[in-house]
Each structure stands twice: as C-alpha cells, then as structure tokens.
Amino acid sequence: QEMLTEAKTDGVDAAARHRLAEERQRLDERRAQEEQALLALAREWDAIAGECHGDKRKLLERFKQHLAARAYLGTVIDDLSEALGEETQTNASHRRH
C-alpha cells in the first residue's frame, strides 16, 4: 500500500516500476493460493453436502475468509496494474467509484 501511494503521488520511475511489478507478482501468487484453497473447500463441501451437521458452518466461515482475501488481493493487484499504466481485466462489470 505504501509503494502504491508513493507511485500515485510521486509517479513511477524505473526502480518503482520494478518494485511494483514484483509486488504484483507476489500478490498474484497469493491470489492463486486463495483460489486453490477455495477449490479444496468446494471439494469438502461436496463431500458433506447431503449430511446435516455443524461442519457446514465452519466451512462457510472459511469460504468467507478466503473469498474476502481473494477480493482484497484482486483490488490491490488492479490498483498496482493501474499505477503501472497497464490495463486491468476484471470479471466484474462495476468496481469502486
């Protein structure tokens, strides 16, 4: 967030561009990990779908946490791409105002 704020106020020189690109790559990897965690949770959900017990609530809470993390990472990655002057491709038709 600090690098992003600096880039927005001071502009992006070559060193800052490199740091932002590295940070974006790191965040992309974290987002991919969140995606994998969500897929694993989906398999767990499918395994207990017909059952009626408290594990569903625990799974739903874990889904919420991973979905929130994925959404946050997506927003930060989009902001970094914007600071780098690159187009962002998002599946959402509407973003922040």
N, C-alpha and C. Protein backbone atom coordinates (compact mmCIF):
# COMPACT_ATOMS: atom_id res chain seq x y z
N GLN A 1 0.83 -1.19 0.00
CA GLN A 1 0.00 0.00 0.00
C GLN A 1 0.87 1.25 0.00
N GLU A 2 1.98 1.21 0.75
CA GLU A 2 2.87 2.38 0.79
C GLU A 2 3.48 2.65 -0.58
N MET A 3 3.95 1.58 -1.24
CA MET A 3 4.52 1.75 -2.57
C MET A 3 3.48 2.30 -3.54
N LEU A 4 2.26 1.83 -3.42
CA LEU A 4 1.19 2.28 -4.30
C LEU A 4 0.90 3.75 -4.08
N THR A 5 0.85 4.17 -2.83
CA THR A 5 0.60 5.58 -2.51
C THR A 5 1.73 6.45 -3.06
N GLU A 6 2.97 6.01 -2.89
CA GLU A 6 4.10 6.76 -3.43
C GLU A 6 4.01 6.88 -4.94
N ALA A 7 3.66 5.78 -5.59
CA ALA A 7 3.57 5.79 -7.05
C ALA A 7 2.50 6.76 -7.54
N LYS A 8 1.40 6.84 -6.80
CA LYS A 8 0.32 7.73 -7.20
C LYS A 8 0.70 9.19 -6.99
N THR A 9 1.47 9.48 -5.95
CA THR A 9 1.81 10.87 -5.66
C THR A 9 3.09 11.32 -6.36
N ASP A 10 4.09 10.44 -6.43
CA ASP A 10 5.40 10.83 -6.97
C ASP A 10 5.64 10.36 -8.39
N GLY A 11 4.75 9.56 -8.92
CA GLY A 11 4.97 8.98 -10.24
C GLY A 11 5.76 7.69 -10.13
N VAL A 12 5.98 7.06 -11.26
CA VAL A 12 6.64 5.76 -11.27
C VAL A 12 7.91 5.84 -12.10
N ASP A 13 9.07 5.78 -11.41
CA ASP A 13 10.33 5.69 -12.13
C ASP A 13 10.65 4.22 -12.37
N ALA A 14 11.78 3.94 -12.97
CA ALA A 14 12.13 2.56 -13.32
C ALA A 14 12.25 1.67 -12.08
N ALA A 15 12.86 2.19 -11.02
CA ALA A 15 13.03 1.39 -9.80
C ALA A 15 11.68 1.10 -9.16
N ALA A 16 10.83 2.12 -9.10
CA ALA A 16 9.50 1.95 -8.50
C ALA A 16 8.67 0.98 -9.35
N ARG A 17 8.78 1.11 -10.66
CA ARG A 17 8.04 0.21 -11.56
C ARG A 17 8.45 -1.23 -11.30
N HIS A 18 9.74 -1.46 -11.14
CA HIS A 18 10.24 -2.81 -10.87
C HIS A 18 9.70 -3.33 -9.54
N ARG A 19 9.75 -2.52 -8.50
CA ARG A 19 9.25 -2.94 -7.19
C ARG A 19 7.76 -3.23 -7.24
N LEU A 20 6.99 -2.36 -7.92
CA LEU A 20 5.55 -2.57 -8.03
C LEU A 20 5.24 -3.85 -8.81
N ALA A 21 5.98 -4.09 -9.86
CA ALA A 21 5.76 -5.30 -10.66
C ALA A 21 6.08 -6.55 -9.84
N GLU A 22 7.16 -6.50 -9.05
CA GLU A 22 7.48 -7.64 -8.20
C GLU A 22 6.40 -7.86 -7.15
N GLU A 23 5.92 -6.78 -6.57
CA GLU A 23 4.86 -6.90 -5.55
C GLU A 23 3.59 -7.46 -6.17
N ARG A 24 3.26 -7.01 -7.37
CA ARG A 24 2.08 -7.53 -8.05
C ARG A 24 2.22 -9.03 -8.30
N GLN A 25 3.41 -9.47 -8.71
CA GLN A 25 3.65 -10.88 -8.94
C GLN A 25 3.46 -11.68 -7.66
N ARG A 26 3.99 -11.16 -6.56
CA ARG A 26 3.84 -11.83 -5.26
C ARG A 26 2.37 -11.94 -4.87
N LEU A 27 1.62 -10.87 -5.10
CA LEU A 27 0.19 -10.87 -4.77
C LEU A 27 -0.59 -11.79 -5.71
N ASP A 28 -0.18 -11.86 -6.96
CA ASP A 28 -0.81 -12.80 -7.90
C ASP A 28 -0.65 -14.24 -7.40
N GLU A 29 0.53 -14.53 -6.89
CA GLU A 29 0.78 -15.88 -6.36
C GLU A 29 -0.09 -16.14 -5.13
N ARG A 30 -0.23 -15.13 -4.27
CA ARG A 30 -1.10 -15.30 -3.10
C ARG A 30 -2.56 -15.49 -3.52
N ARG A 31 -2.98 -14.75 -4.55
CA ARG A 31 -4.35 -14.90 -5.03
C ARG A 31 -4.57 -16.31 -5.59
N ALA A 32 -3.56 -16.85 -6.29
CA ALA A 32 -3.66 -18.21 -6.81
C ALA A 32 -3.78 -19.21 -5.66
N GLN A 33 -3.07 -18.96 -4.56
CA GLN A 33 -3.19 -19.83 -3.39
C GLN A 33 -4.59 -19.77 -2.81
N GLU A 34 -5.18 -18.58 -2.79
CA GLU A 34 -6.57 -18.45 -2.31
C GLU A 34 -7.52 -19.22 -3.21
N GLU A 35 -7.29 -19.17 -4.51
CA GLU A 35 -8.12 -19.92 -5.46
C GLU A 35 -8.03 -21.42 -5.17
N GLN A 36 -6.81 -21.90 -4.93
CA GLN A 36 -6.63 -23.32 -4.63
C GLN A 36 -7.33 -23.69 -3.32
N ALA A 37 -7.25 -22.81 -2.34
CA ALA A 37 -7.92 -23.07 -1.06
C ALA A 37 -9.43 -23.14 -1.26
N LEU A 38 -9.97 -22.26 -2.11
CA LEU A 38 -11.40 -22.28 -2.38
C LEU A 38 -11.82 -23.57 -3.09
N LEU A 39 -10.99 -24.03 -4.01
CA LEU A 39 -11.30 -25.30 -4.69
C LEU A 39 -11.29 -26.46 -3.70
N ALA A 40 -10.34 -26.45 -2.79
CA ALA A 40 -10.28 -27.51 -1.77
C ALA A 40 -11.52 -27.45 -0.88
N LEU A 41 -11.94 -26.25 -0.51
CA LEU A 41 -13.15 -26.10 0.30
C LEU A 41 -14.38 -26.59 -0.45
N ALA A 42 -14.42 -26.31 -1.74
CA ALA A 42 -15.55 -26.77 -2.55
C ALA A 42 -15.63 -28.30 -2.55
N ARG A 43 -14.49 -28.95 -2.61
CA ARG A 43 -14.48 -30.41 -2.55
C ARG A 43 -14.97 -30.90 -1.18
N GLU A 44 -14.53 -30.22 -0.12
CA GLU A 44 -15.01 -30.58 1.22
C GLU A 44 -16.53 -30.40 1.31
N TRP A 45 -17.02 -29.29 0.75
CA TRP A 45 -18.46 -29.01 0.78
C TRP A 45 -19.22 -30.11 0.05
N ASP A 46 -18.73 -30.47 -1.12
CA ASP A 46 -19.38 -31.53 -1.89
C ASP A 46 -19.41 -32.84 -1.12
N ALA A 47 -18.37 -33.12 -0.36
CA ALA A 47 -18.29 -34.36 0.39
C ALA A 47 -19.32 -34.43 1.52
N ILE A 48 -19.71 -33.27 2.06
CA ILE A 48 -20.67 -33.28 3.17
C ILE A 48 -22.02 -32.68 2.78
N ALA A 49 -22.23 -32.45 1.49
CA ALA A 49 -23.43 -31.75 1.03
C ALA A 49 -24.72 -32.42 1.49
N GLY A 50 -24.78 -33.71 1.47
CA GLY A 50 -26.01 -34.40 1.85
C GLY A 50 -26.17 -34.57 3.35
N GLU A 51 -25.13 -34.30 4.09
CA GLU A 51 -25.17 -34.50 5.53
C GLU A 51 -25.68 -33.24 6.23
N CYS A 52 -26.11 -33.41 7.44
CA CYS A 52 -26.61 -32.27 8.21
C CYS A 52 -25.84 -32.22 9.53
N HIS A 53 -24.81 -31.40 9.56
CA HIS A 53 -24.05 -31.24 10.80
C HIS A 53 -23.35 -29.90 10.82
N GLY A 54 -22.70 -29.61 11.92
CA GLY A 54 -22.08 -28.31 12.16
C GLY A 54 -20.89 -27.99 11.29
N ASP A 55 -20.34 -28.98 10.61
CA ASP A 55 -19.17 -28.71 9.77
C ASP A 55 -19.48 -27.71 8.66
N LYS A 56 -20.74 -27.64 8.24
CA LYS A 56 -21.10 -26.72 7.17
C LYS A 56 -20.87 -25.27 7.60
N ARG A 57 -21.19 -24.95 8.84
CA ARG A 57 -20.98 -23.58 9.31
C ARG A 57 -19.50 -23.23 9.31
N LYS A 58 -18.67 -24.17 9.74
CA LYS A 58 -17.23 -23.94 9.76
C LYS A 58 -16.71 -23.73 8.34
N LEU A 59 -17.20 -24.56 7.42
CA LEU A 59 -16.79 -24.42 6.03
C LEU A 59 -17.24 -23.09 5.44
N LEU A 60 -18.45 -22.68 5.74
CA LEU A 60 -18.94 -21.40 5.24
C LEU A 60 -18.09 -20.25 5.74
N GLU A 61 -17.67 -20.31 6.99
CA GLU A 61 -16.81 -19.26 7.54
C GLU A 61 -15.46 -19.24 6.82
N ARG A 62 -14.93 -20.42 6.55
CA ARG A 62 -13.67 -20.49 5.82
C ARG A 62 -13.83 -19.97 4.39
N PHE A 63 -14.96 -20.29 3.76
CA PHE A 63 -15.24 -19.74 2.43
C PHE A 63 -15.23 -18.21 2.48
N LYS A 64 -15.91 -17.64 3.45
CA LYS A 64 -15.98 -16.19 3.58
C LYS A 64 -14.59 -15.58 3.71
N GLN A 65 -13.75 -16.19 4.52
CA GLN A 65 -12.41 -15.67 4.73
C GLN A 65 -11.59 -15.70 3.44
N HIS A 66 -11.65 -16.81 2.74
CA HIS A 66 -10.87 -16.93 1.50
C HIS A 66 -11.44 -16.03 0.39
N LEU A 67 -12.75 -15.92 0.33
CA LEU A 67 -13.34 -15.03 -0.68
C LEU A 67 -12.98 -13.58 -0.41
N ALA A 68 -13.00 -13.18 0.85
CA ALA A 68 -12.63 -11.81 1.21
C ALA A 68 -11.17 -11.54 0.87
N ALA A 69 -10.30 -12.49 1.18
CA ALA A 69 -8.88 -12.33 0.87
C ALA A 69 -8.67 -12.23 -0.63
N ARG A 70 -9.36 -13.08 -1.39
CA ARG A 70 -9.23 -13.05 -2.85
C ARG A 70 -9.71 -11.72 -3.41
N ALA A 71 -10.81 -11.21 -2.90
CA ALA A 71 -11.34 -9.93 -3.37
C ALA A 71 -10.36 -8.79 -3.07
N TYR A 72 -9.83 -8.78 -1.85
CA TYR A 72 -8.87 -7.74 -1.47
C TYR A 72 -7.64 -7.79 -2.36
N LEU A 73 -7.10 -8.99 -2.55
CA LEU A 73 -5.91 -9.13 -3.39
C LEU A 73 -6.20 -8.67 -4.82
N GLY A 74 -7.37 -9.01 -5.33
CA GLY A 74 -7.73 -8.58 -6.68
C GLY A 74 -7.77 -7.07 -6.81
N THR A 75 -8.30 -6.41 -5.79
CA THR A 75 -8.36 -4.94 -5.81
C THR A 75 -6.97 -4.34 -5.77
N VAL A 76 -6.10 -4.86 -4.90
CA VAL A 76 -4.75 -4.33 -4.81
C VAL A 76 -3.98 -4.59 -6.10
N ILE A 77 -4.14 -5.77 -6.67
CA ILE A 77 -3.46 -6.10 -7.94
C ILE A 77 -3.94 -5.17 -9.04
N ASP A 78 -5.24 -4.91 -9.11
CA ASP A 78 -5.76 -3.98 -10.10
C ASP A 78 -5.20 -2.58 -9.89
N ASP A 79 -5.10 -2.15 -8.63
CA ASP A 79 -4.54 -0.83 -8.33
C ASP A 79 -3.06 -0.75 -8.74
N LEU A 80 -2.31 -1.82 -8.49
CA LEU A 80 -0.91 -1.84 -8.91
C LEU A 80 -0.79 -1.78 -10.43
N SER A 81 -1.63 -2.53 -11.11
CA SER A 81 -1.61 -2.50 -12.58
C SER A 81 -1.94 -1.11 -13.10
N GLU A 82 -2.89 -0.47 -12.46
CA GLU A 82 -3.26 0.90 -12.86
C GLU A 82 -2.09 1.85 -12.63
N ALA A 83 -1.42 1.72 -11.48
CA ALA A 83 -0.27 2.58 -11.18
C ALA A 83 0.85 2.36 -12.18
N LEU A 84 0.96 1.14 -12.70
CA LEU A 84 1.97 0.81 -13.70
C LEU A 84 1.53 1.21 -15.10
N GLY A 85 0.32 1.73 -15.22
CA GLY A 85 -0.18 2.15 -16.52
C GLY A 85 -0.63 1.01 -17.39
N GLU A 86 -1.00 -0.10 -16.77
CA GLU A 86 -1.44 -1.27 -17.51
C GLU A 86 -2.93 -1.45 -17.35
N GLU A 87 -3.55 -2.00 -18.37
CA GLU A 87 -4.98 -2.28 -18.32
C GLU A 87 -5.24 -3.43 -17.36
N THR A 88 -6.35 -3.34 -16.66
CA THR A 88 -6.75 -4.45 -15.81
C THR A 88 -7.95 -5.12 -16.45
N GLN A 89 -7.97 -6.43 -16.35
CA GLN A 89 -9.10 -7.19 -16.86
C GLN A 89 -9.77 -7.83 -15.68
N THR A 90 -10.98 -7.43 -15.45
CA THR A 90 -11.72 -7.97 -14.32
C THR A 90 -13.03 -8.54 -14.82
N ASN A 91 -13.52 -9.53 -14.11
CA ASN A 91 -14.80 -10.13 -14.47
C ASN A 91 -15.96 -9.30 -13.97
N ALA A 92 -15.69 -8.38 -13.08
CA ALA A 92 -16.75 -7.56 -12.51
C ALA A 92 -17.08 -6.43 -13.49
N SER A 93 -18.36 -6.16 -13.64
CA SER A 93 -18.75 -5.10 -14.55
C SER A 93 -18.69 -3.73 -13.88
N HIS A 94 -18.60 -3.72 -12.56
CA HIS A 94 -18.59 -2.47 -11.84
C HIS A 94 -17.61 -2.57 -10.68
N ARG A 95 -16.78 -1.58 -10.55
CA ARG A 95 -15.82 -1.55 -9.47
C ARG A 95 -16.09 -0.37 -8.58
N ARG A 96 -15.13 -0.03 -7.75
CA ARG A 96 -15.30 1.10 -6.84
C ARG A 96 -15.55 2.38 -7.61
N HIS A 97 -16.12 3.33 -6.92
CA HIS A 97 -16.32 4.66 -7.52
C HIS A 97 -15.16 5.53 -7.20
